[in-house]
Amino acid sequence: MRRLLLLCTIPWLLVADDHWVKFTRGPFEVMTDAGVRPGREAMLRFEQFRHALGQIVGEDDLQTPLPVRVFVFKNSKAWTTAAPLTEGRDRYAIVLGEKSAVTPEIYSELTRLFLKSNTAQMPPAFERGLIAFFSTFEVNGIRITAGKPPAGPDLDWARIHLMVADPDYYGKIRVLLYNLRHGVADDPAYRNAFGKSAAEVEAAARKHFAAGNFGTTSLSSRPMSESDFPERQVSATEISMARADLLVGAQSVGEADGT
């Protein structure tokens, strides 16, 4: 009880002079004390990420079992978390600074969460490849760029890179993944998608990986702008509880890590 009171009281004192707004769409809720523009920009980035991943895996409205609250702090120094994505009392949480980029670790964890929550199980190599591929996702306005190699590209990543960046494959990977997720054998699944056998496509992926010529590609974006996200005011009580929940989530990560 004493710890709960402390968690609730400290954030209450810290938000006394802050002005918070929030934006909501899909599974995301962005809360910020950094102003309207950084909040809308964050929402735009995460919504374009959700759209792009959904287009690749063939799910047009990816959801999460709990909402994902994204904090955009004017000063995030005191509110960093040990994990890129933490789970609190009733939602997940991500912490960003006003000018912080979304890290590869955050995108990786979100990809893992969306795949687990929305799709039937796919072959592990494809899941690993998608997580690595979307870790370097970039958004500038509504322009989406994908395909930048991660720190340690491997064959699983290169296989996805080929299927997304090569015009001969792009747009068909969702057919392949749908078939594989629903138990279709490899050869029929690959022929349904690409008109080639699994062995032929795998050979192309290995050749692509060995060549090491990994260019970026643009993905189709969802038509939207920052003005599509109306701001909502946040009461001192609401933000106090939200920050307390963030502390609880961070503490749970620490306990799980033994720290």
C-alpha atoms as a PDB file:
ATOM      1  CA  MET A   1       0.000   0.000   0.000  1.00  0.00           C
ATOM      2  CA  ARG A   2       2.773   2.435   0.920  1.00  0.00           C
ATOM      3  CA  ARG A   3       4.524   1.779  -2.410  1.00  0.00           C
ATOM      4  CA  LEU A   4       1.284   2.381  -4.346  1.00  0.00           C
ATOM      5  CA  LEU A   5       0.753   5.688  -2.549  1.00  0.00           C
ATOM      6  CA  LEU A   6       4.304   6.727  -3.379  1.00  0.00           C
ATOM      7  CA  LEU A   7       3.880   5.847  -7.048  1.00  0.00           C
ATOM      8  CA  CYS A   8       0.697   7.886  -7.230  1.00  0.00           C
ATOM      9  CA  THR A   9       1.954  10.866  -5.215  1.00  0.00           C
ATOM     10  CA  ILE A  10       5.261  11.481  -7.000  1.00  0.00           C
ATOM     11  CA  PRO A  11       3.773  11.764 -10.514  1.00  0.00           C
ATOM     12  CA  TRP A  12       1.015  14.038  -9.127  1.00  0.00           C
ATOM     13  CA  LEU A  13       3.632  16.487  -7.857  1.00  0.00           C
ATOM     14  CA  LEU A  14       5.623  16.311 -11.088  1.00  0.00           C
ATOM     15  CA  VAL A  15       2.678  17.152 -13.359  1.00  0.00           C
ATOM     16  CA  ALA A  16       1.418  20.109 -11.357  1.00  0.00           C
ATOM     17  CA  ASP A  17       2.843  22.668 -13.827  1.00  0.00           C
ATOM     18  CA  ASP A  18       2.759  20.524 -16.986  1.00  0.00           C
ATOM     19  CA  HIS A  19       0.276  20.750 -19.838  1.00  0.00           C
ATOM     20  CA  TRP A  20      -0.520  17.371 -21.354  1.00  0.00           C
ATOM     21  CA  VAL A  21      -2.471  16.383 -24.456  1.00  0.00           C
ATOM     22  CA  LYS A  22      -3.172  12.996 -25.992  1.00  0.00           C
ATOM     23  CA  PHE A  23      -4.063  11.461 -29.346  1.00  0.00           C
ATOM     24  CA  THR A  24      -5.676   8.086 -29.982  1.00  0.00           C
ATOM     25  CA  ARG A  25      -6.015   5.852 -33.007  1.00  0.00           C
ATOM     26  CA  GLY A  26      -6.205   2.089 -33.376  1.00  0.00           C
ATOM     27  CA  PRO A  27      -4.331   0.434 -30.501  1.00  0.00           C
ATOM     28  CA  PHE A  28      -2.154   3.516 -29.925  1.00  0.00           C
ATOM     29  CA  GLU A  29      -2.526   6.327 -27.408  1.00  0.00           C
ATOM     30  CA  VAL A  30       0.088   9.082 -27.496  1.00  0.00           C
ATOM     31  CA  MET A  31       0.393  11.231 -24.369  1.00  0.00           C
ATOM     32  CA  THR A  32       2.764  14.183 -24.374  1.00  0.00           C
ATOM     33  CA  ASP A  33       3.834  17.257 -22.439  1.00  0.00           C
ATOM     34  CA  ALA A  34       6.049  18.368 -25.350  1.00  0.00           C
ATOM     35  CA  GLY A  35       3.293  20.039 -27.354  1.00  0.00           C
ATOM     36  CA  VAL A  36       0.789  19.126 -30.028  1.00  0.00           C
ATOM     37  CA  ARG A  37       3.186  18.730 -32.948  1.00  0.00           C
ATOM     38  CA  PRO A  38       5.538  16.122 -31.407  1.00  0.00           C
ATOM     39  CA  GLY A  39       2.507  14.123 -30.260  1.00  0.00           C
ATOM     40  CA  ARG A  40       0.923  14.092 -33.711  1.00  0.00           C
ATOM     41  CA  GLU A  41       4.236  13.244 -35.363  1.00  0.00           C
ATOM     42  CA  ALA A  42       4.666  10.269 -33.034  1.00  0.00           C
ATOM     43  CA  MET A  43       1.151   9.022 -33.748  1.00  0.00           C
ATOM     44  CA  LEU A  44       1.761   9.344 -37.485  1.00  0.00           C
ATOM     45  CA  ARG A  45       4.967   7.279 -37.260  1.00  0.00           C
ATOM     46  CA  PHE A  46       3.372   4.460 -35.290  1.00  0.00           C
ATOM     47  CA  GLU A  47       0.244   4.329 -37.420  1.00  0.00           C
ATOM     48  CA  GLN A  48       2.275   4.160 -40.631  1.00  0.00           C
ATOM     49  CA  PHE A  49       4.337   1.375 -39.074  1.00  0.00           C
ATOM     50  CA  ARG A  50       1.173  -0.572 -38.206  1.00  0.00           C
ATOM     51  CA  HIS A  51      -0.147  -0.063 -41.732  1.00  0.00           C
ATOM     52  CA  ALA A  52       3.095  -1.131 -43.444  1.00  0.00           C
ATOM     53  CA  LEU A  53       3.503  -4.297 -41.376  1.00  0.00           C
ATOM     54  CA  GLY A  54      -0.141  -5.175 -41.969  1.00  0.00           C
ATOM     55  CA  GLN A  55       0.256  -4.822 -45.735  1.00  0.00           C
ATOM     56  CA  ILE A  56       3.222  -7.195 -45.766  1.00  0.00           C
ATOM     57  CA  VAL A  57       1.645  -9.920 -43.614  1.00  0.00           C
ATOM     58  CA  GLY A  58      -1.855  -9.558 -45.074  1.00  0.00           C
ATOM     59  CA  GLU A  59      -3.682  -8.135 -42.041  1.00  0.00           C
ATOM     60  CA  ASP A  60      -5.202  -4.714 -42.695  1.00  0.00           C
ATOM     61  CA  ASP A  61      -6.053  -3.710 -39.126  1.00  0.00           C
ATOM     62  CA  LEU A  62      -3.419  -5.048 -36.749  1.00  0.00           C
ATOM     63  CA  GLN A  63      -4.435  -4.832 -33.098  1.00  0.00           C
ATOM     64  CA  THR A  64      -2.848  -5.579 -29.731  1.00  0.00           C
ATOM     65  CA  PRO A  65      -4.389  -7.388 -26.735  1.00  0.00           C
ATOM     66  CA  LEU A  66      -3.851  -4.251 -24.633  1.00  0.00           C
ATOM     67  CA  PRO A  67      -3.596  -0.615 -25.781  1.00  0.00           C
ATOM     68  CA  VAL A  68      -0.110   0.742 -26.446  1.00  0.00           C
ATOM     69  CA  ARG A  69       0.517   4.054 -24.684  1.00  0.00           C
ATOM     70  CA  VAL A  70       3.359   6.110 -26.143  1.00  0.00           C
ATOM     71  CA  PHE A  71       4.758   8.779 -23.836  1.00  0.00           C
ATOM     72  CA  VAL A  72       6.501  11.663 -25.587  1.00  0.00           C
ATOM     73  CA  PHE A  73       8.255  13.558 -22.799  1.00  0.00           C
ATOM     74  CA  LYS A  74       9.642  17.050 -23.039  1.00  0.00           C
ATOM     75  CA  ASN A  75      12.339  15.700 -20.748  1.00  0.00           C
ATOM     76  CA  SER A  76      12.403  11.911 -20.686  1.00  0.00           C
ATOM     77  CA  LYS A  77      15.603  11.548 -18.640  1.00  0.00           C
ATOM     78  CA  ALA A  78      13.845  10.570 -15.420  1.00  0.00           C
ATOM     79  CA  TRP A  79      11.365   8.311 -17.230  1.00  0.00           C
ATOM     80  CA  THR A  80      13.512   5.969 -19.276  1.00  0.00           C
ATOM     81  CA  THR A  81      12.671   2.276 -18.994  1.00  0.00           C
ATOM     82  CA  ALA A  82      14.903  -0.791 -19.055  1.00  0.00           C
ATOM     83  CA  ALA A  83      12.854  -2.370 -21.850  1.00  0.00           C
ATOM     84  CA  PRO A  84      11.705  -0.768 -25.128  1.00  0.00           C
ATOM     85  CA  LEU A  85       8.138  -1.972 -24.477  1.00  0.00           C
ATOM     86  CA  THR A  86       6.840  -2.490 -20.948  1.00  0.00           C
ATOM     87  CA  GLU A  87       3.530  -3.919 -19.757  1.00  0.00           C
ATOM     88  CA  GLY A  88       1.708  -2.104 -16.984  1.00  0.00           C
ATOM     89  CA  ARG A  89      -1.591  -2.659 -15.229  1.00  0.00           C
ATOM     90  CA  ASP A  90      -3.821  -2.441 -18.300  1.00  0.00           C
ATOM     91  CA  ARG A  91      -1.626  -1.452 -21.258  1.00  0.00           C
ATOM     92  CA  TYR A  92       1.803  -1.497 -22.804  1.00  0.00           C
ATOM     93  CA  ALA A  93       4.040   1.567 -22.637  1.00  0.00           C
ATOM     94  CA  ILE A  94       6.765   3.114 -24.796  1.00  0.00           C
ATOM     95  CA  VAL A  95       8.825   6.114 -23.695  1.00  0.00           C
ATOM     96  CA  LEU A  96      10.240   8.664 -26.128  1.00  0.00           C
ATOM     97  CA  GLY A  97      11.865  12.050 -25.751  1.00  0.00           C
ATOM     98  CA  GLU A  98      10.492  15.002 -27.698  1.00  0.00           C
ATOM     99  CA  LYS A  99      13.215  14.705 -30.355  1.00  0.00           C
ATOM    100  CA  SER A 100      13.956  11.011 -29.984  1.00  0.00           C
ATOM    101  CA  ALA A 101      13.839   8.650 -32.918  1.00  0.00           C
ATOM    102  CA  VAL A 102      11.924   5.402 -32.565  1.00  0.00           C
ATOM    103  CA  THR A 103      14.677   2.867 -31.927  1.00  0.00           C
ATOM    104  CA  PRO A 104      15.165  -0.462 -33.728  1.00  0.00           C
ATOM    105  CA  GLU A 105      14.472  -2.158 -30.390  1.00  0.00           C
ATOM    106  CA  ILE A 106      11.051  -0.510 -30.140  1.00  0.00           C
ATOM    107  CA  TYR A 107      10.113  -1.424 -33.697  1.00  0.00           C
ATOM    108  CA  SER A 108      11.338  -4.992 -33.129  1.00  0.00           C
ATOM    109  CA  GLU A 109       9.216  -5.435 -30.008  1.00  0.00           C
ATOM    110  CA  LEU A 110       6.154  -3.943 -31.694  1.00  0.00           C
ATOM    111  CA  THR A 111       6.601  -6.247 -34.691  1.00  0.00           C
ATOM    112  CA  ARG A 112       6.893  -9.238 -32.370  1.00  0.00           C
ATOM    113  CA  LEU A 113       3.762  -8.150 -30.476  1.00  0.00           C
ATOM    114  CA  PHE A 114       1.687  -7.594 -33.618  1.00  0.00           C
ATOM    115  CA  LEU A 115       2.727 -10.922 -35.136  1.00  0.00           C
ATOM    116  CA  LYS A 116       1.928 -12.785 -31.945  1.00  0.00           C
ATOM    117  CA  SER A 117      -1.447 -11.062 -31.514  1.00  0.00           C
ATOM    118  CA  ASN A 118      -2.807 -11.072 -35.064  1.00  0.00           C
ATOM    119  CA  THR A 119      -1.507 -13.944 -37.128  1.00  0.00           C
ATOM    120  CA  ALA A 120      -1.478 -17.703 -37.049  1.00  0.00           C
ATOM    121  CA  GLN A 121       1.979 -19.067 -36.415  1.00  0.00           C
ATOM    122  CA  MET A 122       4.332 -18.732 -39.360  1.00  0.00           C
ATOM    123  CA  PRO A 123       7.679 -20.481 -39.894  1.00  0.00           C
ATOM    124  CA  PRO A 124      10.212 -19.118 -37.352  1.00  0.00           C
ATOM    125  CA  ALA A 125      12.605 -18.012 -40.110  1.00  0.00           C
ATOM    126  CA  PHE A 126       9.954 -15.683 -41.534  1.00  0.00           C
ATOM    127  CA  GLU A 127       9.046 -14.304 -38.116  1.00  0.00           C
ATOM    128  CA  ARG A 128      12.705 -13.598 -37.334  1.00  0.00           C
ATOM    129  CA  GLY A 129      13.155 -12.028 -40.743  1.00  0.00           C
ATOM    130  CA  LEU A 130      10.138  -9.739 -40.374  1.00  0.00           C
ATOM    131  CA  ILE A 131      11.239  -8.597 -36.916  1.00  0.00           C
ATOM    132  CA  ALA A 132      14.711  -7.746 -38.228  1.00  0.00           C
ATOM    133  CA  PHE A 133      13.364  -6.138 -41.405  1.00  0.00           C
ATOM    134  CA  PHE A 134      10.963  -3.823 -39.599  1.00  0.00           C
ATOM    135  CA  SER A 135      13.536  -2.877 -36.967  1.00  0.00           C
ATOM    136  CA  THR A 136      14.999  -0.321 -39.410  1.00  0.00           C
ATOM    137  CA  PHE A 137      11.637   1.074 -40.525  1.00  0.00           C
ATOM    138  CA  GLU A 138      11.664   4.840 -41.232  1.00  0.00           C
ATOM    139  CA  VAL A 139       8.903   7.403 -41.742  1.00  0.00           C
ATOM    140  CA  ASN A 140       9.346  10.957 -43.018  1.00  0.00           C
ATOM    141  CA  GLY A 141       5.950  12.647 -43.112  1.00  0.00           C
ATOM    142  CA  ILE A 142       3.889   9.946 -44.818  1.00  0.00           C
ATOM    143  CA  ARG A 143       6.824   8.578 -46.835  1.00  0.00           C
ATOM    144  CA  ILE A 144       7.812   5.084 -45.678  1.00  0.00           C
ATOM    145  CA  THR A 145      11.300   3.735 -46.286  1.00  0.00           C
ATOM    146  CA  ALA A 146      12.215   0.126 -45.527  1.00  0.00           C
ATOM    147  CA  GLY A 147      15.066  -2.236 -46.256  1.00  0.00           C
ATOM    148  CA  LYS A 148      18.000  -0.610 -44.493  1.00  0.00           C
ATOM    149  CA  PRO A 149      20.169  -3.472 -43.196  1.00  0.00           C
ATOM    150  CA  PRO A 150      20.155  -4.015 -39.418  1.00  0.00           C
ATOM    151  CA  ALA A 151      23.387  -4.202 -37.453  1.00  0.00           C
ATOM    152  CA  GLY A 152      23.817  -7.905 -38.260  1.00  0.00           C
ATOM    153  CA  PRO A 153      21.904  -8.892 -41.413  1.00  0.00           C
ATOM    154  CA  ASP A 154      21.415 -12.612 -41.865  1.00  0.00           C
ATOM    155  CA  LEU A 155      19.683 -14.912 -44.322  1.00  0.00           C
ATOM    156  CA  ASP A 156      16.300 -14.613 -42.575  1.00  0.00           C
ATOM    157  CA  TRP A 157      16.452 -10.832 -42.947  1.00  0.00           C
ATOM    158  CA  ALA A 158      17.742 -11.051 -46.543  1.00  0.00           C
ATOM    159  CA  ARG A 159      14.881 -13.390 -47.517  1.00  0.00           C
ATOM    160  CA  ILE A 160      12.321 -10.790 -46.407  1.00  0.00           C
ATOM    161  CA  HIS A 161      14.365  -8.008 -48.007  1.00  0.00           C
ATOM    162  CA  LEU A 162      14.265  -9.831 -51.355  1.00  0.00           C
ATOM    163  CA  MET A 163      10.526 -10.430 -51.141  1.00  0.00           C
ATOM    164  CA  VAL A 164       9.772  -6.811 -50.263  1.00  0.00           C
ATOM    165  CA  ALA A 165      12.403  -4.823 -52.170  1.00  0.00           C
ATOM    166  CA  ASP A 166      12.546  -6.828 -55.417  1.00  0.00           C
ATOM    167  CA  PRO A 167       9.697  -5.858 -57.814  1.00  0.00           C
ATOM    168  CA  ASP A 168       9.415  -9.497 -58.943  1.00  0.00           C
ATOM    169  CA  TYR A 169       8.344 -10.488 -55.428  1.00  0.00           C
ATOM    170  CA  TYR A 170       6.811  -7.421 -53.779  1.00  0.00           C
ATOM    171  CA  GLY A 171       3.068  -7.563 -53.268  1.00  0.00           C
ATOM    172  CA  LYS A 172       3.122 -11.354 -53.338  1.00  0.00           C
ATOM    173  CA  ILE A 173       4.755 -12.036 -49.980  1.00  0.00           C
ATOM    174  CA  ARG A 174       1.423 -11.629 -48.215  1.00  0.00           C
ATOM    175  CA  VAL A 175       0.038 -14.489 -50.325  1.00  0.00           C
ATOM    176  CA  LEU A 176       2.965 -16.690 -49.333  1.00  0.00           C
ATOM    177  CA  LEU A 177       2.650 -15.854 -45.634  1.00  0.00           C
ATOM    178  CA  TYR A 178      -1.107 -16.434 -45.667  1.00  0.00           C
ATOM    179  CA  ASN A 179      -0.593 -19.893 -47.185  1.00  0.00           C
ATOM    180  CA  LEU A 180       2.230 -20.847 -44.820  1.00  0.00           C
ATOM    181  CA  ARG A 181       0.304 -19.632 -41.759  1.00  0.00           C
ATOM    182  CA  HIS A 182      -2.645 -21.794 -42.750  1.00  0.00           C
ATOM    183  CA  GLY A 183      -0.699 -25.003 -43.153  1.00  0.00           C
ATOM    184  CA  VAL A 184      -0.159 -25.104 -46.912  1.00  0.00           C
ATOM    185  CA  ALA A 185       2.953 -27.125 -47.809  1.00  0.00           C
ATOM    186  CA  ASP A 186       6.012 -25.160 -48.907  1.00  0.00           C
ATOM    187  CA  ASP A 187       6.009 -25.848 -52.651  1.00  0.00           C
ATOM    188  CA  PRO A 188       2.288 -25.122 -53.250  1.00  0.00           C
ATOM    189  CA  ALA A 189       2.539 -22.030 -51.023  1.00  0.00           C
ATOM    190  CA  TYR A 190       5.505 -20.651 -52.968  1.00  0.00           C
ATOM    191  CA  ARG A 191       3.971 -21.465 -56.345  1.00  0.00           C
ATOM    192  CA  ASN A 192       0.697 -19.806 -55.359  1.00  0.00           C
ATOM    193  CA  ALA A 193       2.590 -16.658 -54.458  1.00  0.00           C
ATOM    194  CA  PHE A 194       5.470 -16.456 -56.937  1.00  0.00           C
ATOM    195  CA  GLY A 195       4.966 -19.150 -59.567  1.00  0.00           C
ATOM    196  CA  LYS A 196       8.254 -20.709 -58.407  1.00  0.00           C
ATOM    197  CA  SER A 197       9.182 -23.635 -56.219  1.00  0.00           C
ATOM    198  CA  ALA A 198      10.349 -23.149 -52.648  1.00  0.00           C
ATOM    199  CA  ALA A 199      13.839 -24.320 -53.674  1.00  0.00           C
ATOM    200  CA  GLU A 200      14.039 -21.739 -56.471  1.00  0.00           C
ATOM    201  CA  VAL A 201      13.049 -18.873 -54.191  1.00  0.00           C
ATOM    202  CA  GLU A 202      15.385 -20.043 -51.444  1.00  0.00           C
ATOM    203  CA  ALA A 203      18.256 -20.162 -53.924  1.00  0.00           C
ATOM    204  CA  ALA A 204      17.431 -16.601 -54.987  1.00  0.00           C
ATOM    205  CA  ALA A 205      17.383 -15.500 -51.335  1.00  0.00           C
ATOM    206  CA  ARG A 206      20.807 -17.044 -50.703  1.00  0.00           C
ATOM    207  CA  LYS A 207      22.197 -15.386 -53.816  1.00  0.00           C
ATOM    208  CA  HIS A 208      20.712 -12.064 -52.735  1.00  0.00           C
ATOM    209  CA  PHE A 209      22.270 -12.396 -49.286  1.00  0.00           C
ATOM    210  CA  ALA A 210      25.679 -13.323 -50.689  1.00  0.00           C
ATOM    211  CA  ALA A 211      25.672 -10.368 -53.109  1.00  0.00           C
ATOM    212  CA  GLY A 212      25.098  -7.921 -50.266  1.00  0.00           C
ATOM    213  CA  ASN A 213      23.500  -5.256 -52.457  1.00  0.00           C
ATOM    214  CA  PHE A 214      20.770  -4.177 -50.079  1.00  0.00           C
ATOM    215  CA  GLY A 215      18.979  -1.067 -51.269  1.00  0.00           C
ATOM    216  CA  THR A 216      16.061   0.594 -49.533  1.00  0.00           C
ATOM    217  CA  THR A 217      12.565   0.699 -50.951  1.00  0.00           C
ATOM    218  CA  SER A 218       9.451   2.811 -50.479  1.00  0.00           C
ATOM    219  CA  LEU A 219       6.311   1.167 -49.145  1.00  0.00           C
ATOM    220  CA  SER A 220       2.811   2.414 -49.789  1.00  0.00           C
ATOM    221  CA  SER A 221       1.621   4.597 -46.945  1.00  0.00           C
ATOM    222  CA  ARG A 222      -1.823   5.088 -45.472  1.00  0.00           C
ATOM    223  CA  PRO A 223      -3.229   8.465 -46.561  1.00  0.00           C
ATOM    224  CA  MET A 224      -3.219  10.588 -43.419  1.00  0.00           C
ATOM    225  CA  SER A 225      -1.762  13.754 -42.017  1.00  0.00           C
ATOM    226  CA  GLU A 226      -0.998  15.117 -38.583  1.00  0.00           C
ATOM    227  CA  SER A 227      -4.312  17.015 -38.647  1.00  0.00           C
ATOM    228  CA  ASP A 228      -6.183  13.693 -38.748  1.00  0.00           C
ATOM    229  CA  PHE A 229      -5.430  13.288 -35.040  1.00  0.00           C
ATOM    230  CA  PRO A 230      -7.424  15.771 -32.937  1.00  0.00           C
ATOM    231  CA  GLU A 231      -5.860  16.617 -29.614  1.00  0.00           C
ATOM    232  CA  ARG A 232      -7.581  15.734 -26.369  1.00  0.00           C
ATOM    233  CA  GLN A 233      -6.847  17.349 -23.037  1.00  0.00           C
ATOM    234  CA  VAL A 234      -5.470  15.239 -20.211  1.00  0.00           C
ATOM    235  CA  SER A 235      -6.399  15.912 -16.605  1.00  0.00           C
ATOM    236  CA  ALA A 236      -3.790  15.987 -13.850  1.00  0.00           C
ATOM    237  CA  THR A 237      -5.377  12.876 -12.348  1.00  0.00           C
ATOM    238  CA  GLU A 238      -5.218  10.979 -15.635  1.00  0.00           C
ATOM    239  CA  ILE A 239      -1.568  11.736 -16.288  1.00  0.00           C
ATOM    240  CA  SER A 240      -0.691  11.072 -12.666  1.00  0.00           C
ATOM    241  CA  MET A 241      -2.152   7.589 -12.907  1.00  0.00           C
ATOM    242  CA  ALA A 242      -0.572   7.031 -16.327  1.00  0.00           C
ATOM    243  CA  ARG A 243       2.890   7.855 -15.015  1.00  0.00           C
ATOM    244  CA  ALA A 244       2.333   5.733 -11.931  1.00  0.00           C
ATOM    245  CA  ASP A 245       1.406   2.855 -14.227  1.00  0.00           C
ATOM    246  CA  LEU A 246       4.605   3.457 -16.180  1.00  0.00           C
ATOM    247  CA  LEU A 247       6.617   3.165 -12.983  1.00  0.00           C
ATOM    248  CA  VAL A 248       4.869  -0.081 -12.105  1.00  0.00           C
ATOM    249  CA  GLY A 249       5.657  -1.485 -15.565  1.00  0.00           C
ATOM    250  CA  ALA A 250       9.301  -0.425 -15.302  1.00  0.00           C
ATOM    251  CA  GLN A 251       9.534  -1.972 -11.837  1.00  0.00           C
ATOM    252  CA  SER A 252       8.113  -5.242 -13.166  1.00  0.00           C
ATOM    253  CA  VAL A 253      10.814  -5.325 -15.849  1.00  0.00           C
ATOM    254  CA  GLY A 254      13.470  -4.753 -13.190  1.00  0.00           C
ATOM    255  CA  GLU A 255      12.134  -7.539 -11.006  1.00  0.00           C
ATOM    256  CA  ALA A 256      11.997  -9.919 -13.986  1.00  0.00           C
ATOM    257  CA  ASP A 257      15.631  -9.073 -14.743  1.00  0.00           C
ATOM    258  CA  GLY A 258      16.582  -9.546 -11.095  1.00  0.00           C
ATOM    259  CA  THR A 259      17.588  -5.885 -10.650  1.00  0.00           C
END
